[in-house]
C-alpha cells in the first residue's frame, strides 16, 4: 500500500496510527502541503479534492478521507479490532471520532486558516484565536463523552481504537497552537498513555522523514 501523507497532516497522522496498530507495511508518498503540492496535477489525479491522505491499496484502488480509509483497514484486516463488538458501542466510538474528524478538524484545516488570512484579512493572532476556540470547545465536549467509557488510558474500553486514533493527532495540533487543555484532564491522561505505544509513537509527526 502507498499512503500520500504529510507529517503535520492530522488526517494522515490518523491513518499512520491505524496502519501501525494493524501491523501493516506501507510506502510513503510525501506531499508538501505548505508548498502546495496537493494542488499539482499529478496529485489531483489521485485525489480531486487536493487533500490528504490518500491510500493506494495493494490492488491499485485509491481511497480518500481518513475515516473511510480506517474503516476499510478495519474491514480488510479485522485484527486487532479498532471498533467494539456491539452496534451500540460502535456508534458511540464513531461519534467520538467524528466529533474530531467532522466538527473540530475541518474548521481548523490548513486551507481554512489560510482563507481567514487571505482574502478575509485576519492577522495571525486572530487566526490562532480562531483555532484555539474551536479545538478547545470540541475537546471539552469529548472530555464529557469519554468519562463514562474510558479506563483512563483509552477513550473507550481497554484497547486503542478509532476514537484514540483521532484524539492523539488533534491533541498534537492543539499543543502546536498553544491551546489551553487544562479543562480536559481525562483526554490529557489518555493522550499521555497512547503516545507511548509503538504504533502511536512511530506515526508521530516529529518522526516522519518528511518533517522539514
N, C-alpha and C. Protein backbone atom coordinates (compact mmCIF):
# COMPACT_ATOMS: atom_id res chain seq x y z
N UNK A 1 0.83 -1.20 0.00
CA UNK A 1 0.00 0.00 0.00
C UNK A 1 0.87 1.25 0.00
N UNK A 2 0.33 2.30 -0.60
CA UNK A 2 1.05 3.57 -0.63
C UNK A 2 0.16 4.63 0.00
N UNK A 3 0.73 5.40 0.94
CA UNK A 3 -0.01 6.44 1.63
C UNK A 3 0.54 7.80 1.25
N UNK A 4 -0.30 8.64 0.66
CA UNK A 4 0.05 10.04 0.42
C UNK A 4 -0.13 10.77 1.73
N UNK A 5 0.95 11.38 2.23
CA UNK A 5 0.96 11.87 3.61
C UNK A 5 1.82 13.12 3.73
N UNK A 6 1.60 13.85 4.81
CA UNK A 6 2.44 14.99 5.19
C UNK A 6 2.56 14.94 6.71
N UNK A 7 3.72 15.25 7.23
CA UNK A 7 3.98 14.97 8.65
C UNK A 7 3.04 15.70 9.60
N UNK A 8 2.59 16.92 9.24
CA UNK A 8 1.71 17.67 10.13
C UNK A 8 0.23 17.51 9.78
N UNK A 9 -0.09 16.72 8.80
CA UNK A 9 -1.49 16.49 8.44
C UNK A 9 -2.15 15.59 9.49
N UNK A 10 -3.14 16.13 10.20
CA UNK A 10 -3.82 15.35 11.24
C UNK A 10 -4.49 14.12 10.66
N UNK A 11 -5.12 14.28 9.51
CA UNK A 11 -5.83 13.16 8.89
C UNK A 11 -4.85 12.07 8.47
N UNK A 12 -3.69 12.47 7.94
CA UNK A 12 -2.68 11.48 7.58
C UNK A 12 -2.13 10.79 8.83
N UNK A 13 -1.95 11.56 9.87
CA UNK A 13 -1.47 11.03 11.16
C UNK A 13 -2.40 9.93 11.65
N UNK A 14 -3.71 10.15 11.53
CA UNK A 14 -4.68 9.12 11.93
C UNK A 14 -4.44 7.81 11.19
N UNK A 15 -4.28 7.92 9.88
CA UNK A 15 -4.12 6.70 9.08
C UNK A 15 -2.78 6.03 9.39
N UNK A 16 -1.74 6.81 9.62
CA UNK A 16 -0.46 6.21 10.00
C UNK A 16 -0.60 5.40 11.29
N UNK A 17 -1.35 5.93 12.26
CA UNK A 17 -1.56 5.20 13.50
C UNK A 17 -2.32 3.90 13.22
N UNK A 18 -3.38 3.99 12.44
CA UNK A 18 -4.19 2.80 12.16
C UNK A 18 -3.37 1.73 11.45
N UNK A 19 -2.56 2.13 10.49
CA UNK A 19 -1.69 1.17 9.80
C UNK A 19 -0.73 0.50 10.78
N UNK A 20 -0.22 1.29 11.72
CA UNK A 20 0.68 0.74 12.72
C UNK A 20 -0.01 -0.23 13.66
N UNK A 21 -1.20 0.13 14.11
CA UNK A 21 -1.94 -0.76 15.01
C UNK A 21 -2.29 -2.07 14.31
N UNK A 22 -2.56 -2.01 13.02
CA UNK A 22 -2.88 -3.21 12.26
C UNK A 22 -1.63 -4.00 11.86
N UNK A 23 -0.45 -3.41 12.08
CA UNK A 23 0.79 -4.09 11.72
C UNK A 23 1.00 -4.19 10.22
N UNK A 24 0.51 -3.20 9.47
CA UNK A 24 0.59 -3.24 8.02
C UNK A 24 1.76 -2.41 7.50
N UNK A 25 2.42 -2.89 6.49
CA UNK A 25 3.52 -2.14 5.86
C UNK A 25 2.95 -1.26 4.77
N UNK A 26 3.59 -0.13 4.57
CA UNK A 26 3.12 0.81 3.56
C UNK A 26 4.28 1.65 3.06
N UNK A 27 4.10 2.16 1.85
CA UNK A 27 5.11 3.01 1.21
C UNK A 27 4.64 4.46 1.27
N UNK A 28 5.48 5.39 1.73
CA UNK A 28 5.05 6.78 1.80
C UNK A 28 5.16 7.52 0.47
N UNK A 29 4.21 8.38 0.23
CA UNK A 29 4.24 9.33 -0.88
C UNK A 29 4.11 10.71 -0.24
N UNK A 30 5.23 11.40 -0.09
CA UNK A 30 5.24 12.65 0.65
C UNK A 30 4.70 13.80 -0.20
N UNK A 31 3.71 14.50 0.34
CA UNK A 31 3.08 15.63 -0.34
C UNK A 31 3.24 16.84 0.57
N UNK A 32 3.96 17.85 0.11
CA UNK A 32 4.26 19.03 0.93
C UNK A 32 3.11 20.02 0.85
N UNK A 33 2.32 20.10 1.91
CA UNK A 33 1.16 20.98 1.91
C UNK A 33 1.53 22.47 1.84
N UNK A 34 2.47 22.97 2.65
CA UNK A 34 2.79 24.41 2.56
C UNK A 34 3.29 24.83 1.18
N UNK A 35 3.93 23.92 0.46
CA UNK A 35 4.39 24.24 -0.90
C UNK A 35 3.30 24.07 -1.95
N UNK A 36 2.14 23.59 -1.53
CA UNK A 36 1.02 23.45 -2.45
C UNK A 36 1.07 22.25 -3.36
N UNK A 37 1.86 21.24 -2.99
CA UNK A 37 1.99 20.07 -3.86
C UNK A 37 0.67 19.30 -3.98
N UNK A 38 -0.24 19.51 -3.03
CA UNK A 38 -1.54 18.84 -3.08
C UNK A 38 -2.41 19.38 -4.22
N UNK A 39 -2.01 20.51 -4.80
CA UNK A 39 -2.75 21.09 -5.93
C UNK A 39 -2.10 20.78 -7.26
N UNK A 40 -0.99 20.05 -7.25
CA UNK A 40 -0.33 19.66 -8.50
C UNK A 40 -1.23 18.70 -9.26
N UNK A 41 -1.12 18.75 -10.58
CA UNK A 41 -1.99 17.90 -11.42
C UNK A 41 -1.83 16.43 -11.11
N UNK A 42 -0.59 16.00 -10.83
CA UNK A 42 -0.36 14.58 -10.56
C UNK A 42 -1.12 14.14 -9.31
N UNK A 43 -1.10 14.97 -8.27
CA UNK A 43 -1.80 14.57 -7.05
C UNK A 43 -3.31 14.70 -7.20
N UNK A 44 -3.77 15.71 -7.92
CA UNK A 44 -5.21 15.85 -8.14
C UNK A 44 -5.76 14.66 -8.92
N UNK A 45 -4.89 14.00 -9.68
CA UNK A 45 -5.30 12.78 -10.35
C UNK A 45 -5.54 11.64 -9.38
N UNK A 46 -4.93 11.73 -8.20
CA UNK A 46 -5.14 10.74 -7.14
C UNK A 46 -6.33 11.12 -6.28
N UNK A 47 -6.35 12.39 -5.85
CA UNK A 47 -7.44 12.90 -5.00
C UNK A 47 -7.91 14.24 -5.55
N UNK A 48 -9.05 14.28 -6.24
CA UNK A 48 -9.53 15.52 -6.85
C UNK A 48 -9.77 16.65 -5.85
N UNK A 49 -9.94 16.31 -4.56
CA UNK A 49 -10.12 17.35 -3.54
C UNK A 49 -8.82 18.09 -3.25
N UNK A 50 -7.69 17.47 -3.58
CA UNK A 50 -6.42 18.08 -3.23
C UNK A 50 -6.18 18.07 -1.73
N UNK A 51 -6.63 17.03 -1.05
CA UNK A 51 -6.47 16.90 0.39
C UNK A 51 -5.73 15.61 0.72
N UNK A 52 -5.17 15.57 1.91
CA UNK A 52 -4.54 14.37 2.42
C UNK A 52 -5.41 13.76 3.52
N UNK A 53 -5.29 12.44 3.68
CA UNK A 53 -4.43 11.50 2.97
C UNK A 53 -5.14 10.88 1.78
N UNK A 54 -4.38 10.07 1.04
CA UNK A 54 -4.94 9.16 0.05
C UNK A 54 -4.19 7.84 0.19
N UNK A 55 -4.92 6.76 0.13
CA UNK A 55 -4.31 5.44 0.24
C UNK A 55 -4.53 4.67 -1.06
N UNK A 56 -3.42 4.25 -1.65
CA UNK A 56 -3.50 3.36 -2.80
C UNK A 56 -3.33 1.94 -2.30
N UNK A 57 -4.34 1.11 -2.51
CA UNK A 57 -4.34 -0.24 -1.96
C UNK A 57 -3.43 -1.16 -2.77
N UNK A 58 -3.18 -2.33 -2.23
CA UNK A 58 -2.36 -3.32 -2.94
C UNK A 58 -2.97 -3.70 -4.28
N UNK A 59 -4.30 -3.57 -4.37
CA UNK A 59 -4.98 -3.91 -5.63
C UNK A 59 -5.03 -2.75 -6.61
N UNK A 60 -4.52 -1.59 -6.19
CA UNK A 60 -4.49 -0.43 -7.07
C UNK A 60 -5.65 0.52 -6.90
N UNK A 61 -6.57 0.22 -5.97
CA UNK A 61 -7.65 1.15 -5.71
C UNK A 61 -7.17 2.35 -4.90
N UNK A 62 -7.83 3.48 -5.08
CA UNK A 62 -7.46 4.71 -4.36
C UNK A 62 -8.59 5.10 -3.42
N UNK A 63 -8.24 5.31 -2.16
CA UNK A 63 -9.21 5.71 -1.14
C UNK A 63 -8.81 7.06 -0.57
N UNK A 64 -9.81 7.89 -0.28
CA UNK A 64 -9.58 9.18 0.35
C UNK A 64 -10.45 9.26 1.61
N UNK A 65 -10.26 10.33 2.38
CA UNK A 65 -10.95 10.58 3.64
C UNK A 65 -10.46 9.59 4.71
N UNK A 66 -9.85 10.13 5.75
CA UNK A 66 -9.17 9.30 6.73
C UNK A 66 -10.08 8.28 7.40
N UNK A 67 -11.29 8.67 7.78
CA UNK A 67 -12.17 7.72 8.45
C UNK A 67 -12.60 6.60 7.52
N UNK A 68 -12.83 6.92 6.26
CA UNK A 68 -13.18 5.88 5.28
C UNK A 68 -12.01 4.92 5.09
N UNK A 69 -10.80 5.46 5.05
CA UNK A 69 -9.61 4.61 4.91
C UNK A 69 -9.47 3.69 6.12
N UNK A 70 -9.65 4.24 7.31
CA UNK A 70 -9.50 3.43 8.53
C UNK A 70 -10.59 2.36 8.60
N UNK A 71 -11.81 2.70 8.21
CA UNK A 71 -12.88 1.69 8.19
C UNK A 71 -12.56 0.59 7.18
N UNK A 72 -11.95 0.96 6.05
CA UNK A 72 -11.53 -0.05 5.06
C UNK A 72 -10.48 -0.98 5.68
N UNK A 73 -9.51 -0.40 6.37
CA UNK A 73 -8.49 -1.22 7.02
C UNK A 73 -9.12 -2.14 8.07
N UNK A 74 -10.12 -1.62 8.78
CA UNK A 74 -10.81 -2.42 9.80
C UNK A 74 -11.53 -3.61 9.16
N UNK A 75 -12.14 -3.38 8.01
CA UNK A 75 -12.90 -4.44 7.36
C UNK A 75 -11.98 -5.47 6.70
N UNK A 76 -10.87 -5.01 6.16
CA UNK A 76 -9.98 -5.94 5.44
C UNK A 76 -8.95 -6.59 6.35
N UNK A 77 -8.67 -5.97 7.49
CA UNK A 77 -7.72 -6.51 8.46
C UNK A 77 -8.34 -6.36 9.85
N UNK A 78 -9.30 -7.22 10.20
CA UNK A 78 -10.12 -7.01 11.41
C UNK A 78 -9.41 -7.19 12.74
N UNK A 79 -8.19 -7.69 12.72
CA UNK A 79 -7.46 -7.91 13.98
C UNK A 79 -6.17 -7.11 14.00
N UNK A 80 -5.90 -6.36 15.06
CA UNK A 80 -6.76 -6.10 16.22
C UNK A 80 -7.90 -5.14 15.86
N UNK A 81 -9.02 -5.32 16.51
CA UNK A 81 -10.21 -4.52 16.20
C UNK A 81 -10.05 -3.09 16.70
N UNK A 82 -10.51 -2.16 15.88
CA UNK A 82 -10.48 -0.74 16.25
C UNK A 82 -11.86 -0.25 16.70
N UNK A 83 -12.86 -1.12 16.59
CA UNK A 83 -14.22 -0.79 16.99
C UNK A 83 -14.76 -1.90 17.90
N UNK A 84 -15.63 -1.55 18.85
CA UNK A 84 -16.20 -2.55 19.76
C UNK A 84 -17.08 -3.56 19.02
N UNK A 85 -17.49 -4.60 19.73
CA UNK A 85 -18.24 -5.68 19.10
C UNK A 85 -19.72 -5.37 18.93
N UNK A 86 -20.31 -4.55 19.80
CA UNK A 86 -21.75 -4.29 19.70
C UNK A 86 -22.02 -3.07 18.83
N UNK A 87 -23.17 -3.09 18.15
CA UNK A 87 -23.54 -1.98 17.26
C UNK A 87 -23.66 -0.67 18.03
N UNK A 88 -24.23 -0.73 19.24
CA UNK A 88 -24.40 0.48 20.04
C UNK A 88 -23.05 1.07 20.42
N UNK A 89 -22.14 0.24 20.86
CA UNK A 89 -20.82 0.73 21.26
C UNK A 89 -20.03 1.25 20.05
N UNK A 90 -20.18 0.59 18.92
CA UNK A 90 -19.50 1.08 17.70
C UNK A 90 -20.00 2.48 17.35
N UNK A 91 -21.30 2.70 17.49
CA UNK A 91 -21.86 4.02 17.19
C UNK A 91 -21.32 5.07 18.15
N UNK A 92 -21.15 4.70 19.42
CA UNK A 92 -20.61 5.65 20.40
C UNK A 92 -19.18 6.03 20.06
N UNK A 93 -18.37 5.04 19.67
CA UNK A 93 -16.98 5.32 19.32
C UNK A 93 -16.91 6.15 18.04
N UNK A 94 -17.75 5.82 17.07
CA UNK A 94 -17.76 6.63 15.84
C UNK A 94 -18.16 8.07 16.13
N UNK A 95 -19.09 8.26 17.06
CA UNK A 95 -19.48 9.63 17.42
C UNK A 95 -18.30 10.40 18.01
N UNK A 96 -17.51 9.76 18.85
CA UNK A 96 -16.31 10.39 19.41
C UNK A 96 -15.32 10.76 18.30
N UNK A 97 -15.10 9.81 17.41
CA UNK A 97 -14.16 10.05 16.32
C UNK A 97 -14.65 11.16 15.40
N UNK A 98 -15.93 11.15 15.09
CA UNK A 98 -16.47 12.15 14.17
C UNK A 98 -16.54 13.53 14.80
N UNK A 99 -16.67 13.60 16.12
CA UNK A 99 -16.61 14.91 16.77
C UNK A 99 -15.32 15.62 16.39
N UNK A 100 -14.23 14.86 16.38
CA UNK A 100 -12.94 15.44 16.00
C UNK A 100 -12.82 15.60 14.49
N UNK A 101 -13.05 14.51 13.76
CA UNK A 101 -12.76 14.50 12.33
C UNK A 101 -13.75 15.31 11.50
N UNK A 102 -14.98 15.44 11.98
CA UNK A 102 -16.01 16.11 11.19
C UNK A 102 -16.41 17.48 11.72
N UNK A 103 -16.20 17.74 13.02
CA UNK A 103 -16.60 19.01 13.60
C UNK A 103 -15.43 19.92 13.94
N UNK A 104 -14.42 19.39 14.62
CA UNK A 104 -13.30 20.22 15.07
C UNK A 104 -12.28 20.44 13.95
N UNK A 105 -11.79 19.37 13.39
CA UNK A 105 -10.69 19.46 12.44
C UNK A 105 -11.01 20.29 11.19
N UNK A 106 -12.19 20.13 10.55
CA UNK A 106 -12.44 20.91 9.33
C UNK A 106 -12.38 22.42 9.53
N UNK A 107 -12.80 22.89 10.71
CA UNK A 107 -12.77 24.32 10.98
C UNK A 107 -11.34 24.84 11.12
N UNK A 108 -10.41 23.94 11.40
CA UNK A 108 -9.02 24.34 11.64
C UNK A 108 -8.06 23.76 10.61
N UNK A 109 -8.62 23.30 9.50
CA UNK A 109 -7.79 22.77 8.42
C UNK A 109 -6.92 23.88 7.84
N UNK A 110 -5.78 23.51 7.28
CA UNK A 110 -4.84 24.49 6.74
C UNK A 110 -5.50 25.44 5.74
N UNK A 111 -6.34 24.91 4.86
CA UNK A 111 -6.95 25.77 3.84
C UNK A 111 -7.92 26.78 4.47
N UNK A 112 -8.58 26.40 5.58
CA UNK A 112 -9.46 27.33 6.28
C UNK A 112 -8.64 28.43 6.95
N UNK A 113 -7.56 28.05 7.63
CA UNK A 113 -6.73 29.04 8.31
C UNK A 113 -6.11 30.01 7.31
N UNK A 114 -5.71 29.49 6.14
CA UNK A 114 -5.17 30.37 5.10
C UNK A 114 -6.23 31.35 4.59
N UNK A 115 -7.44 30.87 4.43
CA UNK A 115 -8.52 31.72 3.91
C UNK A 115 -8.87 32.83 4.88
N UNK A 116 -8.76 32.55 6.19
CA UNK A 116 -9.01 33.59 7.17
C UNK A 116 -8.03 34.75 7.02
N UNK A 117 -6.80 34.43 6.61
CA UNK A 117 -5.79 35.48 6.42
C UNK A 117 -5.93 36.14 5.06
N UNK A 118 -6.12 35.36 4.03
CA UNK A 118 -6.22 35.88 2.66
C UNK A 118 -7.24 35.04 1.90
N UNK A 119 -8.41 35.61 1.57
CA UNK A 119 -8.70 37.03 1.38
C UNK A 119 -9.36 37.76 2.55
N UNK A 120 -9.69 37.08 3.65
CA UNK A 120 -10.50 37.75 4.67
C UNK A 120 -9.73 38.77 5.50
N UNK A 121 -8.40 38.72 5.48
CA UNK A 121 -7.61 39.79 6.05
C UNK A 121 -7.35 39.74 7.54
N UNK A 122 -7.58 38.60 8.18
CA UNK A 122 -7.31 38.49 9.61
C UNK A 122 -5.82 38.28 9.86
N UNK A 123 -5.32 38.85 10.97
CA UNK A 123 -3.91 38.67 11.29
C UNK A 123 -3.68 37.32 11.95
N UNK A 124 -2.41 36.97 12.16
CA UNK A 124 -2.08 35.65 12.68
C UNK A 124 -2.65 35.43 14.07
N UNK A 125 -2.64 36.47 14.90
CA UNK A 125 -3.16 36.33 16.26
C UNK A 125 -4.64 35.98 16.25
N UNK A 126 -5.38 36.60 15.34
CA UNK A 126 -6.81 36.31 15.24
C UNK A 126 -7.04 34.89 14.73
N UNK A 127 -6.25 34.48 13.76
CA UNK A 127 -6.35 33.12 13.23
C UNK A 127 -6.05 32.10 14.32
N UNK A 128 -5.02 32.37 15.11
CA UNK A 128 -4.68 31.45 16.21
C UNK A 128 -5.79 31.38 17.25
N UNK A 129 -6.43 32.53 17.52
CA UNK A 129 -7.56 32.54 18.46
C UNK A 129 -8.72 31.71 17.91
N UNK A 130 -8.97 31.83 16.61
CA UNK A 130 -9.99 31.02 15.95
C UNK A 130 -9.71 29.53 16.18
N UNK A 131 -8.47 29.14 15.91
CA UNK A 131 -8.09 27.74 16.09
C UNK A 131 -8.35 27.29 17.52
N UNK A 132 -7.83 28.04 18.47
CA UNK A 132 -7.93 27.62 19.86
C UNK A 132 -9.38 27.54 20.33
N UNK A 133 -10.21 28.47 19.87
CA UNK A 133 -11.61 28.45 20.28
C UNK A 133 -12.28 27.14 19.89
N UNK A 134 -12.14 26.76 18.62
CA UNK A 134 -12.87 25.60 18.12
C UNK A 134 -12.29 24.29 18.65
N UNK A 135 -10.96 24.21 18.79
CA UNK A 135 -10.39 22.96 19.27
C UNK A 135 -10.71 22.75 20.74
N UNK A 136 -10.66 23.80 21.55
CA UNK A 136 -10.96 23.65 22.97
C UNK A 136 -12.44 23.34 23.17
N UNK A 137 -13.31 24.01 22.43
CA UNK A 137 -14.75 23.73 22.56
C UNK A 137 -15.05 22.26 22.23
N UNK A 138 -14.44 21.76 21.16
CA UNK A 138 -14.67 20.39 20.78
C UNK A 138 -14.11 19.39 21.77
N UNK A 139 -12.89 19.64 22.22
CA UNK A 139 -12.26 18.71 23.16
C UNK A 139 -12.95 18.72 24.52
N UNK A 140 -13.49 19.86 24.92
CA UNK A 140 -14.24 19.89 26.18
C UNK A 140 -15.48 19.02 26.10
N UNK A 141 -16.14 19.00 24.94
CA UNK A 141 -17.30 18.13 24.76
C UNK A 141 -16.87 16.66 24.76
N UNK A 142 -15.75 16.37 24.10
CA UNK A 142 -15.25 15.00 24.08
C UNK A 142 -14.86 14.54 25.48
N UNK A 143 -14.30 15.43 26.28
CA UNK A 143 -13.95 15.12 27.67
C UNK A 143 -15.16 14.56 28.41
N UNK A 144 -16.31 15.17 28.22
CA UNK A 144 -17.53 14.70 28.87
C UNK A 144 -17.97 13.36 28.29
N UNK A 145 -17.86 13.21 26.98
CA UNK A 145 -18.34 12.00 26.32
C UNK A 145 -17.56 10.75 26.74
N UNK A 146 -16.25 10.89 26.95
CA UNK A 146 -15.44 9.70 27.21
C UNK A 146 -15.46 9.26 28.68
N UNK A 147 -15.86 10.13 29.58
CA UNK A 147 -15.70 9.84 31.02
C UNK A 147 -16.36 8.53 31.44
N UNK A 148 -17.52 8.23 30.89
CA UNK A 148 -18.24 7.04 31.31
C UNK A 148 -17.72 5.76 30.64
N UNK A 149 -16.82 5.91 29.67
CA UNK A 149 -16.39 4.75 28.89
C UNK A 149 -14.88 4.52 28.91
N UNK A 150 -14.15 5.45 29.48
CA UNK A 150 -12.69 5.38 29.46
C UNK A 150 -12.15 4.65 30.68
N UNK A 151 -11.05 3.94 30.45
CA UNK A 151 -10.32 3.34 31.57
C UNK A 151 -9.18 4.23 32.04
N UNK A 152 -9.16 5.47 31.54
CA UNK A 152 -8.11 6.42 31.88
C UNK A 152 -6.93 6.37 30.94
N UNK A 153 -6.92 5.36 30.06
CA UNK A 153 -5.84 5.20 29.10
C UNK A 153 -6.33 5.19 27.65
N UNK A 154 -7.64 5.00 27.48
CA UNK A 154 -8.24 4.94 26.16
C UNK A 154 -9.59 5.64 26.21
N UNK A 155 -10.05 6.11 25.07
CA UNK A 155 -11.33 6.82 25.03
C UNK A 155 -12.50 5.90 25.33
N UNK A 156 -12.39 4.64 24.89
CA UNK A 156 -13.48 3.69 25.08
C UNK A 156 -12.88 2.32 25.33
N UNK A 157 -13.21 1.74 26.47
CA UNK A 157 -12.73 0.40 26.76
C UNK A 157 -11.26 0.37 27.14
N UNK A 158 -10.65 -0.80 26.93
CA UNK A 158 -9.29 -1.01 27.40
C UNK A 158 -8.25 -1.22 26.34
N UNK A 159 -8.60 -0.95 25.07
CA UNK A 159 -7.64 -1.11 23.98
C UNK A 159 -7.71 0.09 23.05
N UNK A 160 -6.63 0.41 22.34
CA UNK A 160 -6.67 1.54 21.39
C UNK A 160 -7.71 1.30 20.30
N UNK A 161 -8.44 2.35 19.97
CA UNK A 161 -9.48 2.22 18.95
C UNK A 161 -9.61 3.48 18.12
N UNK A 162 -10.69 3.54 17.37
CA UNK A 162 -10.90 4.62 16.40
C UNK A 162 -10.89 5.99 17.06
N UNK A 163 -11.54 6.12 18.21
CA UNK A 163 -11.57 7.42 18.88
C UNK A 163 -10.17 7.86 19.31
N UNK A 164 -9.37 6.92 19.80
CA UNK A 164 -7.99 7.25 20.19
C UNK A 164 -7.16 7.68 18.99
N UNK A 165 -7.38 7.02 17.86
CA UNK A 165 -6.66 7.35 16.63
C UNK A 165 -6.93 8.79 16.22
N UNK A 166 -8.15 9.26 16.45
CA UNK A 166 -8.48 10.64 16.11
C UNK A 166 -8.01 11.63 17.18
N UNK A 167 -8.04 11.19 18.43
CA UNK A 167 -7.68 12.09 19.54
C UNK A 167 -6.24 12.55 19.49
N UNK A 168 -5.31 11.61 19.36
CA UNK A 168 -3.89 11.95 19.52
C UNK A 168 -3.42 13.00 18.50
N UNK A 169 -3.74 12.89 17.21
CA UNK A 169 -3.32 13.95 16.29
C UNK A 169 -3.93 15.31 16.63
N UNK A 170 -5.19 15.31 17.11
CA UNK A 170 -5.81 16.58 17.45
C UNK A 170 -5.16 17.21 18.67
N UNK A 171 -4.76 16.40 19.63
CA UNK A 171 -4.06 16.92 20.80
C UNK A 171 -2.69 17.48 20.40
N UNK A 172 -2.02 16.80 19.47
CA UNK A 172 -0.72 17.29 18.99
C UNK A 172 -0.88 18.67 18.36
N UNK A 173 -1.89 18.82 17.52
CA UNK A 173 -2.13 20.11 16.89
C UNK A 173 -2.55 21.17 17.89
N UNK A 174 -3.33 20.78 18.88
CA UNK A 174 -3.75 21.74 19.90
C UNK A 174 -2.55 22.32 20.63
N UNK A 175 -1.59 21.48 20.94
CA UNK A 175 -0.37 21.96 21.60
C UNK A 175 0.44 22.85 20.67
N UNK A 176 0.46 22.51 19.41
CA UNK A 176 1.20 23.32 18.43
C UNK A 176 0.69 24.76 18.41
N UNK A 177 -0.62 24.93 18.64
CA UNK A 177 -1.21 26.27 18.64
C UNK A 177 -1.41 26.81 20.06
N UNK A 178 -0.76 26.17 21.03
CA UNK A 178 -0.76 26.63 22.42
C UNK A 178 -2.17 26.73 23.00
N UNK A 179 -3.03 25.77 22.65
CA UNK A 179 -4.37 25.74 23.23
C UNK A 179 -4.28 25.32 24.69
N UNK A 180 -5.12 25.90 25.52
CA UNK A 180 -5.17 25.57 26.94
C UNK A 180 -6.07 24.35 27.13
N UNK A 181 -5.49 23.23 27.51
CA UNK A 181 -6.22 21.97 27.62
C UNK A 181 -6.43 21.55 29.08
N UNK A 182 -6.27 22.48 30.01
CA UNK A 182 -6.42 22.14 31.42
C UNK A 182 -7.81 21.64 31.76
N UNK A 183 -8.80 22.02 30.97
CA UNK A 183 -10.18 21.60 31.23
C UNK A 183 -10.47 20.19 30.72
N UNK A 184 -9.44 19.52 30.19
CA UNK A 184 -9.62 18.18 29.62
C UNK A 184 -8.66 17.18 30.28
N UNK A 185 -8.72 16.99 31.59
CA UNK A 185 -7.74 16.11 32.26
C UNK A 185 -7.82 14.66 31.81
N UNK A 186 -9.02 14.17 31.52
CA UNK A 186 -9.14 12.78 31.08
C UNK A 186 -8.46 12.60 29.73
N UNK A 187 -8.69 13.53 28.82
CA UNK A 187 -8.06 13.44 27.49
C UNK A 187 -6.56 13.58 27.59
N UNK A 188 -6.08 14.42 28.48
CA UNK A 188 -4.64 14.57 28.67
C UNK A 188 -4.02 13.27 29.16
N UNK A 189 -4.69 12.59 30.08
CA UNK A 189 -4.17 11.32 30.58
C UNK A 189 -4.19 10.24 29.50
N UNK A 190 -5.26 10.20 28.73
CA UNK A 190 -5.36 9.22 27.63
C UNK A 190 -4.26 9.47 26.61
N UNK A 191 -4.10 10.72 26.22
CA UNK A 191 -3.09 11.08 25.22
C UNK A 191 -1.69 10.73 25.70
N UNK A 192 -1.40 10.99 26.96
CA UNK A 192 -0.07 10.69 27.51
C UNK A 192 0.22 9.20 27.44
N UNK A 193 -0.78 8.38 27.74
CA UNK A 193 -0.61 6.93 27.65
C UNK A 193 -0.41 6.48 26.20
N UNK A 194 -1.27 6.96 25.32
CA UNK A 194 -1.24 6.49 23.93
C UNK A 194 0.06 6.86 23.23
N UNK A 195 0.58 8.03 23.53
CA UNK A 195 1.81 8.46 22.86
C UNK A 195 2.98 7.50 23.09
N UNK A 196 2.91 6.72 24.17
CA UNK A 196 3.99 5.79 24.50
C UNK A 196 3.87 4.46 23.74
N UNK A 197 2.72 4.20 23.14
CA UNK A 197 2.52 2.94 22.43
C UNK A 197 3.25 2.98 21.09
N UNK A 198 3.85 1.87 20.67
CA UNK A 198 4.68 1.88 19.46
C UNK A 198 3.99 2.42 18.22
N UNK A 199 2.75 2.03 17.96
CA UNK A 199 2.07 2.47 16.74
C UNK A 199 1.84 3.97 16.74
N UNK A 200 1.55 4.53 17.91
CA UNK A 200 1.33 5.97 18.02
C UNK A 200 2.66 6.72 17.93
N UNK A 201 3.67 6.21 18.60
CA UNK A 201 4.98 6.86 18.58
C UNK A 201 5.57 6.87 17.18
N UNK A 202 5.44 5.76 16.46
CA UNK A 202 6.00 5.68 15.11
C UNK A 202 5.30 6.60 14.13
N UNK A 203 4.04 6.91 14.40
CA UNK A 203 3.25 7.76 13.50
C UNK A 203 3.40 9.24 13.80
N UNK A 204 4.03 9.60 14.91
CA UNK A 204 4.11 10.99 15.33
C UNK A 204 4.80 11.86 14.29
N UNK A 205 4.37 13.10 14.15
CA UNK A 205 4.93 13.99 13.12
C UNK A 205 6.43 14.16 13.19
N UNK A 206 6.96 14.30 14.40
CA UNK A 206 8.40 14.57 14.52
C UNK A 206 9.26 13.40 14.07
N UNK A 207 8.68 12.22 13.93
CA UNK A 207 9.44 11.07 13.49
C UNK A 207 9.32 10.76 12.01
N UNK A 208 8.59 11.60 11.27
CA UNK A 208 8.38 11.32 9.85
C UNK A 208 9.54 11.85 9.02
N UNK A 209 9.95 11.09 7.99
CA UNK A 209 11.05 11.55 7.14
C UNK A 209 10.78 12.86 6.41
N UNK A 210 9.49 13.23 6.24
CA UNK A 210 9.19 14.48 5.55
C UNK A 210 9.00 15.64 6.50
N UNK A 211 9.50 15.50 7.73
CA UNK A 211 9.34 16.56 8.74
C UNK A 211 10.36 17.67 8.49
N UNK A 212 10.10 18.45 7.45
CA UNK A 212 11.03 19.52 7.08
C UNK A 212 10.49 20.88 7.50
